[in-house]
Amino acid sequence: MSGEIKVNSIVGPSLEFQYIPSVFIDGMASAAKNGNYGFIDKTGEFIIPCVYHAVDSFRDGLACVQRHSKWEYINKAGQTVIPEVSEISGWFNNGLANVQQEGMHGFINKNGEFVIPCIYDAAGVFSEGLAAVGKHGKCGFINRNGDIIIPIEYDMIRNFSDGLAGVIQDGKLGYMDKTGDIVIDCIYDEAESDNFSGGIARVYKNGEVMFIDKTGNIVVKCGEYSKVGVFREELAAVTKDSKRGFINQTGEIVIPCVYDEAYVFGGGLAGVAKDGKVGYINKSGEIVVPFRYDYDNLSGPGSPKWMFVNPFRENLALVRKDGKWGILEIEA
């Protein structure tokens, strides 16, 4: 079949980790043993040992990790390149990271130099050239020079995505552009509505879910579904009669609701669960990875049930069988 996706098991279910590993980012995933975290490569080998109390994923070639009370940054060789700089650290994005000192937030570069001083009560990551910052209970946006681009006067804001940022006023969500103009009125439920991606956003209004375009027009109505996921690779998981399937961006069911669970697409594949086992399907609904991996309680006996399916990211996915982990890779 033309365009057929092939998946190889590069590591069989033989790896033992204490907690659920992260997805692969920058070719590495965090994993834990004996209460501490390190990083594995796609062969499952620990190339950075488990010596950290907490870690975040690698971004822009660096990861923030915590060995003692403060956070530091390491490179992919495990070398500390920015020592204990922050009480709370964020990941690098486009060369800058949000750090906190004495309760205030600012931004450093990859040399550990402050390019924006710690003068804000809160700060996000830089996205599309702007970062959300907060002061005295209000929020706005700054650029990479620290200039205030959108005044600090909003109740709550989100990062820019697809040219628009969520803005919350009086408990309702709308969207603003990079000039600060609110282009979609604040009429949506804030808790579950999403950022824009691919020209559309999932929003909730009085408990009803729908997708809107960047003009605020409804493009997909989802009233018949009890649960609706976000679009990834032009498909979104939905629930109908307690079963999961996928719709396209016109709202048409393209993969029937026959699965116990369904997750986002990545690399052309989505993890789905049926009869207690996990496999992966393509966008035509064809089974590419058979239902052989575990989909059971990872929280332990007596704990709330917590199911797990790892999406493909960077063509890699971690899977679990009989309490041990393996790694799948989409063939290039």
Protein backbone atom coordinates (compact mmCIF):
# COMPACT_ATOMS: atom_id res chain seq x y z
CA MET A 1 0.00 0.00 0.00
CA SER A 2 1.41 3.41 -0.95
CA GLY A 3 2.36 5.51 2.03
CA GLU A 4 2.17 2.53 4.39
CA ILE A 5 3.58 3.24 7.87
CA LYS A 6 5.85 0.59 9.33
CA VAL A 7 6.76 0.32 12.99
CA ASN A 8 9.72 -1.52 14.46
CA SER A 9 10.18 -2.67 18.03
CA ILE A 10 13.69 -1.39 18.72
CA VAL A 11 13.56 -2.42 22.38
CA GLY A 12 11.27 -5.24 23.49
CA PRO A 13 9.36 -4.94 26.79
CA SER A 14 12.37 -5.46 29.05
CA LEU A 15 13.01 -2.08 30.67
CA GLU A 16 12.11 -1.44 34.29
CA PHE A 17 11.34 2.09 35.49
CA GLN A 18 9.90 3.29 38.78
CA TYR A 19 7.47 5.80 37.30
CA ILE A 20 5.94 6.44 33.89
CA PRO A 21 8.64 7.73 31.49
CA SER A 22 8.11 10.94 29.56
CA VAL A 23 7.66 11.18 25.80
CA PHE A 24 10.80 11.57 23.72
CA ILE A 25 11.84 15.19 23.13
CA ASP A 26 15.14 16.09 21.49
CA GLY A 27 15.84 12.36 21.24
CA MET A 28 15.67 11.73 24.99
CA ALA A 29 13.05 10.76 27.58
CA SER A 30 13.16 11.14 31.34
CA ALA A 31 12.77 8.00 33.44
CA ALA A 32 13.23 7.08 37.09
CA LYS A 33 14.83 4.44 39.27
CA ASN A 34 15.23 4.29 43.05
CA GLY A 35 13.33 7.54 43.51
CA ASN A 36 15.56 9.65 41.24
CA TYR A 37 15.35 10.70 37.60
CA GLY A 38 17.71 10.52 34.64
CA PHE A 39 17.42 10.38 30.85
CA ILE A 40 17.33 7.50 28.38
CA ASP A 41 17.98 7.44 24.64
CA LYS A 42 15.95 5.46 22.12
CA THR A 43 17.80 2.23 22.98
CA GLY A 44 16.50 2.52 26.54
CA GLU A 45 19.97 3.09 27.97
CA PHE A 46 20.46 5.68 30.69
CA ILE A 47 22.86 8.15 29.12
CA ILE A 48 22.34 10.59 32.00
CA PRO A 49 22.18 8.70 35.33
CA CYS A 50 19.36 8.88 37.85
CA VAL A 51 20.79 11.45 40.24
CA TYR A 52 18.08 14.15 40.15
CA HIS A 53 15.06 14.65 42.41
CA ALA A 54 13.06 16.19 39.54
CA VAL A 55 13.62 16.92 35.84
CA ASP A 56 11.95 18.56 32.87
CA SER A 57 12.37 17.51 29.25
CA PHE A 58 15.18 18.69 27.00
CA ARG A 59 14.30 21.76 24.97
CA ASP A 60 16.71 23.71 22.80
CA GLY A 61 19.41 21.23 23.83
CA LEU A 62 19.14 21.88 27.58
CA ALA A 63 17.06 20.41 30.41
CA CYS A 64 16.28 21.95 33.79
CA VAL A 65 16.94 19.50 36.63
CA GLN A 66 16.84 19.62 40.41
CA ARG A 67 19.51 17.91 42.47
CA HIS A 68 19.35 20.06 45.62
CA SER A 69 17.00 22.90 46.54
CA LYS A 70 17.42 24.95 43.35
CA TRP A 71 17.14 24.11 39.67
CA GLU A 72 20.06 23.99 37.22
CA TYR A 73 20.45 23.30 33.52
CA ILE A 74 22.36 20.43 31.94
CA ASN A 75 23.31 19.57 28.37
CA LYS A 76 22.85 16.21 26.66
CA ALA A 77 26.17 14.99 28.01
CA GLY A 78 24.81 15.51 31.52
CA GLN A 79 27.16 18.42 32.17
CA THR A 80 25.91 21.34 34.25
CA VAL A 81 26.02 24.44 32.04
CA ILE A 82 23.98 26.80 34.24
CA PRO A 83 24.38 25.99 37.96
CA GLU A 84 21.58 26.33 40.52
CA VAL A 85 20.07 29.48 39.08
CA SER A 86 16.44 29.31 40.08
CA GLU A 87 13.87 28.37 42.69
CA ILE A 88 11.50 27.36 39.89
CA SER A 89 12.78 26.95 36.34
CA GLY A 90 11.09 26.73 32.97
CA TRP A 91 12.37 25.17 29.78
CA PHE A 92 14.29 27.00 27.11
CA ASN A 93 12.35 28.15 24.08
CA ASN A 94 14.00 30.16 21.32
CA GLY A 95 17.06 30.66 23.50
CA LEU A 96 15.37 32.06 26.63
CA ALA A 97 14.06 30.44 29.82
CA ASN A 98 11.82 31.72 32.59
CA VAL A 99 13.45 31.53 36.03
CA GLN A 100 12.43 32.57 39.52
CA GLN A 101 14.59 34.20 42.18
CA GLU A 102 13.28 35.39 45.55
CA GLY A 103 9.75 34.84 44.31
CA MET A 104 10.06 37.02 41.20
CA HIS A 105 10.35 35.95 37.54
CA GLY A 106 12.70 36.94 34.73
CA PHE A 107 14.48 35.35 31.75
CA ILE A 108 18.00 34.03 31.16
CA ASN A 109 19.87 33.07 27.99
CA LYS A 110 21.82 29.85 27.47
CA ASN A 111 24.89 31.40 29.08
CA GLY A 112 22.91 31.88 32.28
CA GLU A 113 22.89 35.66 31.82
CA PHE A 114 19.78 37.61 32.77
CA VAL A 115 18.41 39.35 29.69
CA ILE A 116 15.16 40.31 31.44
CA PRO A 117 15.48 40.87 35.21
CA CYS A 118 13.31 39.16 37.83
CA ILE A 119 10.71 41.89 38.22
CA TYR A 120 7.48 39.99 37.49
CA ASP A 121 5.18 38.09 39.83
CA ALA A 122 4.66 35.43 37.15
CA ALA A 123 5.86 34.63 33.62
CA GLY A 124 5.31 32.07 30.90
CA VAL A 125 7.51 30.89 28.04
CA PHE A 126 8.27 32.83 24.88
CA SER A 127 5.98 31.78 22.08
CA GLU A 128 5.83 33.47 18.69
CA GLY A 129 8.17 36.16 20.00
CA LEU A 130 6.12 37.15 23.07
CA ALA A 131 5.90 35.96 26.68
CA ALA A 132 3.06 36.41 29.13
CA VAL A 133 4.02 38.17 32.36
CA GLY A 134 2.09 39.14 35.46
CA LYS A 135 2.34 41.97 37.95
CA HIS A 136 0.03 43.08 40.78
CA GLY A 137 -2.65 40.59 39.74
CA LYS A 138 -2.79 41.62 36.07
CA CYS A 139 -1.18 40.16 32.92
CA GLY A 140 0.28 41.35 29.62
CA PHE A 141 2.98 40.46 27.08
CA ILE A 142 6.63 41.41 26.65
CA ASN A 143 9.04 40.88 23.76
CA ARG A 144 12.52 39.38 23.93
CA ASN A 145 13.99 42.77 24.81
CA GLY A 146 11.69 43.04 27.83
CA ASP A 147 9.56 45.76 26.23
CA ILE A 148 5.87 45.68 27.19
CA ILE A 149 4.03 45.04 23.91
CA ILE A 150 0.54 44.38 25.27
CA PRO A 151 -0.29 46.28 28.48
CA ILE A 152 -0.38 44.46 31.81
CA GLU A 153 -4.10 44.93 32.37
CA TYR A 154 -5.80 41.57 31.79
CA ASP A 155 -7.12 39.15 34.43
CA MET A 156 -5.44 36.15 32.83
CA ILE A 157 -3.81 35.32 29.49
CA ARG A 158 -2.36 32.34 27.66
CA ASN A 159 0.61 31.93 25.34
CA PHE A 160 0.31 32.95 21.70
CA SER A 161 -0.40 30.07 19.36
CA ASP A 162 -1.30 30.34 15.69
CA GLY A 163 -1.18 34.14 16.00
CA LEU A 164 -3.78 34.41 18.76
CA ALA A 165 -3.65 34.24 22.57
CA GLY A 166 -6.42 33.33 24.97
CA VAL A 167 -7.51 36.16 27.25
CA ILE A 168 -9.76 35.75 30.28
CA GLN A 169 -11.95 38.61 31.48
CA ASP A 170 -14.66 38.22 34.12
CA GLY A 171 -14.15 34.45 34.07
CA LYS A 172 -14.77 34.04 30.33
CA LEU A 173 -12.29 33.27 27.54
CA GLY A 174 -11.78 35.12 24.26
CA TYR A 175 -8.80 35.62 21.96
CA MET A 176 -6.52 38.58 21.18
CA ASP A 177 -4.09 39.26 18.36
CA LYS A 178 -0.53 40.55 18.73
CA THR A 179 -1.66 44.17 18.77
CA GLY A 180 -3.73 43.45 21.88
CA ASP A 181 -7.06 43.73 20.07
CA ILE A 182 -9.64 41.19 21.24
CA VAL A 183 -10.72 39.62 17.95
CA ILE A 184 -12.97 36.91 19.44
CA ASP A 185 -15.16 38.04 22.33
CA CYS A 186 -14.74 36.64 25.85
CA ILE A 187 -17.80 34.38 25.85
CA TYR A 188 -16.35 30.88 26.31
CA ASP A 189 -15.85 28.71 29.38
CA GLU A 190 -12.24 29.16 30.42
CA ALA A 191 -11.56 25.82 32.12
CA GLU A 192 -11.61 23.46 29.12
CA SER A 193 -11.22 25.70 26.07
CA ASP A 194 -7.93 25.48 24.16
CA ASN A 195 -5.42 27.54 22.24
CA PHE A 196 -5.60 27.77 18.46
CA SER A 197 -3.74 25.20 16.39
CA GLY A 198 -4.03 24.72 12.66
CA GLY A 199 -6.52 27.58 12.40
CA ILE A 200 -9.11 26.18 14.82
CA ALA A 201 -9.65 25.93 18.58
CA ARG A 202 -11.79 23.69 20.76
CA VAL A 203 -14.03 25.83 22.98
CA TYR A 204 -16.78 25.26 25.50
CA LYS A 205 -19.81 27.50 25.92
CA ASN A 206 -22.27 26.78 28.71
CA GLY A 207 -20.91 23.24 28.80
CA GLU A 208 -21.34 22.62 25.05
CA VAL A 209 -18.19 21.84 23.05
CA MET A 210 -17.46 23.09 19.53
CA PHE A 211 -14.57 24.12 17.30
CA ILE A 212 -14.25 27.69 16.02
CA ASP A 213 -12.04 29.31 13.39
CA LYS A 214 -9.97 32.46 13.84
CA THR A 215 -12.94 34.67 13.01
CA GLY A 216 -15.00 33.04 15.78
CA ASN A 217 -17.24 31.12 13.41
CA ILE A 218 -18.26 27.60 14.45
CA VAL A 219 -16.69 25.09 12.06
CA VAL A 220 -17.52 21.84 13.91
CA LYS A 221 -20.45 21.26 16.27
CA CYS A 222 -19.90 18.44 18.72
CA GLY A 223 -23.16 18.24 20.64
CA GLU A 224 -23.66 14.53 19.94
CA TYR A 225 -20.40 13.57 21.68
CA SER A 226 -19.89 13.22 25.43
CA LYS A 227 -16.14 13.86 25.16
CA VAL A 228 -14.09 15.61 22.48
CA GLY A 229 -10.30 15.73 22.16
CA VAL A 230 -8.12 18.27 20.37
CA PHE A 231 -7.18 18.04 16.70
CA ARG A 232 -3.77 16.62 15.96
CA GLU A 233 -2.80 15.88 12.38
CA GLU A 234 -6.32 16.96 11.34
CA LEU A 235 -8.16 14.34 13.43
CA ALA A 236 -9.70 14.53 16.92
CA ALA A 237 -10.83 11.72 19.23
CA VAL A 238 -14.50 11.76 20.29
CA THR A 239 -16.70 9.65 22.57
CA LYS A 240 -20.15 8.42 21.64
CA ASP A 241 -22.10 5.79 23.60
CA SER A 242 -19.01 5.25 25.80
CA LYS A 243 -16.81 4.32 22.82
CA ARG A 244 -14.05 6.36 21.17
CA GLY A 245 -13.35 7.15 17.51
CA PHE A 246 -12.11 10.07 15.41
CA ILE A 247 -13.65 12.96 13.48
CA ASN A 248 -12.11 15.15 10.78
CA GLN A 249 -12.21 18.95 10.68
CA THR A 250 -15.65 18.96 9.07
CA GLY A 251 -17.05 16.92 11.97
CA GLU A 252 -17.38 13.71 9.95
CA ILE A 253 -16.66 10.42 11.73
CA VAL A 254 -13.73 8.92 9.81
CA ILE A 255 -12.77 6.21 12.31
CA PRO A 256 -15.81 4.61 13.99
CA CYS A 257 -16.37 4.85 17.76
CA VAL A 258 -15.42 1.26 18.64
CA TYR A 259 -12.50 1.74 21.06
CA ASP A 260 -12.41 1.88 24.84
CA GLU A 261 -9.93 4.77 24.64
CA ALA A 262 -8.23 6.76 21.88
CA TYR A 263 -5.41 9.26 22.00
CA VAL A 264 -3.94 11.93 19.74
CA PHE A 265 -2.27 11.22 16.42
CA GLY A 266 1.49 11.57 16.09
CA GLY A 267 3.60 10.46 13.14
CA GLY A 268 0.42 9.33 11.39
CA LEU A 269 -0.53 6.89 14.16
CA ALA A 270 -2.78 7.02 17.23
CA GLY A 271 -2.79 4.77 20.26
CA VAL A 272 -6.14 3.08 20.92
CA ALA A 273 -7.29 0.60 23.55
CA LYS A 274 -9.66 -2.32 23.22
CA ASP A 275 -10.40 -5.18 25.61
CA GLY A 276 -7.65 -4.09 27.96
CA LYS A 277 -4.88 -3.96 25.36
CA VAL A 278 -3.23 -1.13 23.40
CA GLY A 279 -2.37 -0.96 19.71
CA TYR A 280 -1.84 1.79 17.13
CA ILE A 281 -3.95 2.65 14.09
CA ASN A 282 -3.35 4.86 11.05
CA LYS A 283 -5.62 7.60 9.77
CA SER A 284 -7.65 5.08 7.78
CA GLY A 285 -8.38 3.16 10.96
CA GLU A 286 -6.15 0.25 9.92
CA ILE A 287 -4.27 -1.54 12.69
CA VAL A 288 -0.53 -0.94 12.29
CA VAL A 289 0.61 -2.17 15.72
CA PRO A 290 -1.52 -5.08 17.02
CA PHE A 291 -3.30 -4.95 20.38
CA ARG A 292 -0.59 -6.54 22.46
CA TYR A 293 0.48 -3.89 24.98
CA ASP A 294 -0.94 -3.33 28.45
CA TYR A 295 -3.60 -0.80 29.26
CA ASP A 296 -4.07 -1.32 32.96
CA ASN A 297 -3.80 0.46 36.28
CA LEU A 298 -0.37 2.05 36.63
CA SER A 299 -1.13 3.56 40.02
CA GLY A 300 -0.98 0.29 41.97
CA PRO A 301 -3.55 -1.72 43.93
CA GLY A 302 -6.07 0.39 45.79
CA SER A 303 -5.15 3.57 43.89
CA PRO A 304 -7.44 5.47 41.52
CA LYS A 305 -7.37 3.84 38.10
CA TRP A 306 -4.95 5.63 35.78
CA MET A 307 -4.61 4.36 32.22
CA PHE A 308 -1.67 5.02 29.94
CA VAL A 309 -1.07 5.13 26.20
CA ASN A 310 2.06 6.88 24.97
CA PRO A 311 1.64 8.83 21.71
CA PHE A 312 4.35 8.75 19.07
CA ARG A 313 6.62 11.77 19.25
CA GLU A 314 9.75 12.15 17.14
CA ASN A 315 8.65 8.78 15.67
CA LEU A 316 9.17 7.07 19.06
CA ALA A 317 6.71 5.69 21.62
CA LEU A 318 7.16 3.87 24.92
CA VAL A 319 4.88 0.87 25.47
CA ARG A 320 4.30 -1.41 28.45
CA LYS A 321 3.78 -5.16 28.77
CA ASP A 322 3.83 -7.32 31.90
CA GLY A 323 5.15 -4.43 33.97
CA LYS A 324 8.11 -3.71 31.70
CA TRP A 325 8.68 -1.07 29.04
CA GLY A 326 9.68 -1.24 25.39
CA ILE A 327 10.26 1.31 22.65
CA LEU A 328 8.62 1.44 19.21
CA GLU A 329 9.96 3.44 16.28
CA ILE A 330 8.22 4.46 13.07
CA GLU A 331 10.42 3.39 10.17
CA ALA A 332 11.84 6.39 8.33
